N, C-alpha and C. Protein backbone atom coordinates (compact mmCIF):
# COMPACT_ATOMS: atom_id res chain seq x y z
N MET A 1 6.14 -4.91 1.42
CA MET A 1 5.53 -5.13 2.71
C MET A 1 4.89 -3.82 3.19
N TRP A 2 3.65 -3.90 3.56
CA TRP A 2 2.92 -2.76 4.11
C TRP A 2 3.04 -2.82 5.63
N LYS A 3 3.55 -1.75 6.25
CA LYS A 3 3.73 -1.69 7.70
C LYS A 3 2.79 -0.65 8.29
N ILE A 4 2.12 -1.04 9.38
CA ILE A 4 1.14 -0.17 10.05
C ILE A 4 1.75 0.37 11.33
N TYR A 5 1.67 1.70 11.49
CA TYR A 5 2.14 2.36 12.70
C TYR A 5 1.01 3.19 13.30
N LYS A 6 1.00 3.31 14.61
CA LYS A 6 -0.01 4.07 15.34
C LYS A 6 0.67 5.21 16.09
N TRP A 7 -0.02 6.35 16.16
CA TRP A 7 0.50 7.51 16.88
C TRP A 7 0.55 7.18 18.37
N ASP A 8 1.69 7.45 19.01
CA ASP A 8 1.85 7.11 20.43
C ASP A 8 1.80 8.33 21.35
N GLY A 9 1.38 9.47 20.83
CA GLY A 9 1.32 10.68 21.64
C GLY A 9 2.47 11.62 21.36
N ARG A 10 3.52 11.10 20.74
CA ARG A 10 4.67 11.92 20.42
C ARG A 10 5.08 11.80 18.95
N TYR A 11 5.11 10.56 18.43
CA TYR A 11 5.52 10.32 17.05
C TYR A 11 4.42 9.60 16.27
N ILE A 12 4.28 9.95 14.99
CA ILE A 12 3.27 9.30 14.16
C ILE A 12 3.67 7.85 13.89
N GLN A 13 4.95 7.55 13.83
CA GLN A 13 5.43 6.18 13.67
C GLN A 13 5.89 5.64 15.02
N GLY A 14 5.14 5.90 16.04
CA GLY A 14 5.54 5.54 17.38
C GLY A 14 5.37 4.07 17.72
N GLU A 15 4.21 3.50 17.48
CA GLU A 15 3.92 2.12 17.88
C GLU A 15 3.68 1.27 16.63
N PHE A 16 4.53 0.26 16.42
CA PHE A 16 4.39 -0.64 15.30
C PHE A 16 3.25 -1.62 15.59
N ILE A 17 2.29 -1.73 14.67
CA ILE A 17 1.15 -2.61 14.85
C ILE A 17 1.39 -3.96 14.17
N SER A 18 1.59 -3.96 12.85
CA SER A 18 1.80 -5.21 12.12
C SER A 18 2.30 -4.92 10.71
N LYS A 19 2.62 -5.98 9.97
CA LYS A 19 3.00 -5.84 8.57
C LYS A 19 2.21 -6.86 7.75
N HIS A 20 1.90 -6.46 6.49
CA HIS A 20 1.06 -7.27 5.62
C HIS A 20 1.60 -7.22 4.20
N SER A 21 1.21 -8.22 3.40
CA SER A 21 1.69 -8.27 2.02
C SER A 21 0.79 -7.51 1.06
N SER A 22 -0.46 -7.20 1.45
CA SER A 22 -1.35 -6.44 0.57
C SER A 22 -1.88 -5.20 1.29
N GLU A 23 -2.23 -4.21 0.48
CA GLU A 23 -2.75 -2.95 1.04
C GLU A 23 -4.12 -3.17 1.68
N ASP A 24 -4.96 -3.99 1.07
CA ASP A 24 -6.29 -4.25 1.62
C ASP A 24 -6.23 -4.89 3.00
N ALA A 25 -5.32 -5.85 3.17
CA ALA A 25 -5.16 -6.50 4.48
C ALA A 25 -4.65 -5.51 5.52
N ALA A 26 -3.75 -4.61 5.11
CA ALA A 26 -3.22 -3.61 6.03
C ALA A 26 -4.30 -2.63 6.48
N ILE A 27 -5.14 -2.19 5.56
CA ILE A 27 -6.22 -1.26 5.92
C ILE A 27 -7.25 -1.95 6.81
N LYS A 28 -7.53 -3.21 6.54
CA LYS A 28 -8.48 -3.96 7.37
C LYS A 28 -7.96 -4.09 8.80
N LYS A 29 -6.68 -4.43 8.97
CA LYS A 29 -6.09 -4.55 10.31
C LYS A 29 -6.04 -3.19 11.00
N ALA A 30 -5.73 -2.14 10.25
CA ALA A 30 -5.67 -0.79 10.82
C ALA A 30 -7.05 -0.34 11.31
N SER A 31 -8.11 -0.70 10.59
CA SER A 31 -9.44 -0.31 11.03
C SER A 31 -9.85 -1.02 12.32
N GLN A 32 -9.28 -2.19 12.58
CA GLN A 32 -9.56 -2.90 13.82
C GLN A 32 -8.80 -2.32 15.01
N SER A 33 -7.58 -1.82 14.77
CA SER A 33 -6.73 -1.39 15.89
C SER A 33 -6.63 0.13 16.05
N ILE A 34 -6.97 0.91 15.00
CA ILE A 34 -6.88 2.37 15.06
C ILE A 34 -8.24 2.95 14.72
N ASN A 35 -8.69 3.92 15.50
CA ASN A 35 -9.97 4.57 15.24
C ASN A 35 -9.72 5.75 14.29
N PHE A 36 -9.95 5.54 12.98
CA PHE A 36 -9.74 6.61 12.00
C PHE A 36 -10.98 6.77 11.14
N THR A 37 -11.11 7.96 10.52
CA THR A 37 -12.27 8.28 9.69
C THR A 37 -11.89 8.49 8.23
N PHE A 38 -10.75 9.14 7.98
CA PHE A 38 -10.34 9.48 6.62
C PHE A 38 -9.05 8.77 6.26
N VAL A 39 -8.90 8.46 4.95
CA VAL A 39 -7.71 7.80 4.43
C VAL A 39 -7.19 8.63 3.26
N GLU A 40 -5.90 8.96 3.28
CA GLU A 40 -5.29 9.74 2.20
C GLU A 40 -4.03 9.03 1.74
N LYS A 41 -3.96 8.69 0.47
CA LYS A 41 -2.82 7.97 -0.09
C LYS A 41 -1.87 8.96 -0.75
N GLN A 42 -0.57 8.78 -0.52
CA GLN A 42 0.45 9.69 -1.03
C GLN A 42 1.64 8.87 -1.48
N LYS A 43 2.17 9.17 -2.66
CA LYS A 43 3.35 8.48 -3.17
C LYS A 43 4.46 9.50 -3.36
N GLN A 44 5.62 9.19 -2.79
CA GLN A 44 6.75 10.09 -2.88
C GLN A 44 8.00 9.25 -3.11
N GLY A 45 8.56 9.36 -4.31
CA GLY A 45 9.74 8.57 -4.64
C GLY A 45 9.42 7.09 -4.67
N LYS A 46 10.16 6.31 -3.90
CA LYS A 46 9.94 4.86 -3.84
C LYS A 46 9.10 4.46 -2.63
N GLU A 47 8.48 5.42 -1.99
CA GLU A 47 7.71 5.14 -0.78
C GLU A 47 6.25 5.53 -0.97
N THR A 48 5.35 4.65 -0.59
CA THR A 48 3.91 4.92 -0.62
C THR A 48 3.41 5.02 0.81
N ARG A 49 2.71 6.12 1.12
CA ARG A 49 2.18 6.34 2.46
C ARG A 49 0.67 6.44 2.40
N VAL A 50 0.02 5.81 3.36
CA VAL A 50 -1.43 5.92 3.52
C VAL A 50 -1.66 6.53 4.90
N TRP A 51 -2.09 7.80 4.91
CA TRP A 51 -2.32 8.51 6.17
C TRP A 51 -3.70 8.16 6.69
N LEU A 52 -3.79 7.87 7.98
CA LEU A 52 -5.05 7.57 8.64
C LEU A 52 -5.38 8.72 9.57
N ASP A 53 -6.47 9.44 9.29
CA ASP A 53 -6.84 10.64 10.04
C ASP A 53 -8.15 10.43 10.79
N ASP A 54 -8.30 11.18 11.91
CA ASP A 54 -9.56 11.13 12.66
C ASP A 54 -10.55 12.13 12.06
N GLU A 55 -11.67 12.37 12.74
CA GLU A 55 -12.70 13.25 12.20
C GLU A 55 -12.26 14.70 12.08
N ASN A 56 -11.22 15.12 12.80
CA ASN A 56 -10.68 16.48 12.70
C ASN A 56 -9.52 16.57 11.72
N HIS A 57 -9.30 15.52 10.93
CA HIS A 57 -8.20 15.42 9.97
C HIS A 57 -6.84 15.49 10.66
N THR A 58 -6.77 15.01 11.88
CA THR A 58 -5.50 14.90 12.61
C THR A 58 -4.96 13.50 12.41
N PRO A 59 -3.70 13.34 11.99
CA PRO A 59 -3.15 12.01 11.75
C PRO A 59 -3.11 11.18 13.05
N VAL A 60 -3.62 9.95 12.97
CA VAL A 60 -3.59 9.03 14.11
C VAL A 60 -2.84 7.75 13.78
N GLY A 61 -2.46 7.59 12.52
CA GLY A 61 -1.71 6.41 12.11
C GLY A 61 -1.24 6.55 10.68
N ILE A 62 -0.36 5.62 10.28
CA ILE A 62 0.19 5.64 8.93
C ILE A 62 0.50 4.21 8.50
N ILE A 63 0.30 3.95 7.22
CA ILE A 63 0.68 2.68 6.61
C ILE A 63 1.74 3.00 5.56
N ILE A 64 2.88 2.33 5.62
CA ILE A 64 4.00 2.65 4.74
C ILE A 64 4.43 1.43 3.95
N LYS A 65 4.72 1.64 2.66
CA LYS A 65 5.32 0.60 1.83
C LYS A 65 6.51 1.20 1.11
N LYS A 66 7.68 0.60 1.32
CA LYS A 66 8.88 1.02 0.61
C LYS A 66 9.15 0.03 -0.51
N SER A 67 9.13 0.52 -1.75
CA SER A 67 9.39 -0.35 -2.88
C SER A 67 10.86 -0.26 -3.27
N ARG A 68 11.29 -1.25 -4.00
CA ARG A 68 12.72 -1.30 -4.36
C ARG A 68 13.09 -0.41 -5.49
């Protein structure tokens, strides 16, 4: 499950937006609800993170998938 979070002014995982079964659907929903310019994918252990950055490369949201 891909979960989308939006920065709430204090935490990057502050506001939960939605969850999706595919990465493409998650990015499409994130582009509708979060104003971002750059996307950076990172895999660490069993967790995949997709960082959503604005034009100054400041994180404004994140998409997370935890695999088993």
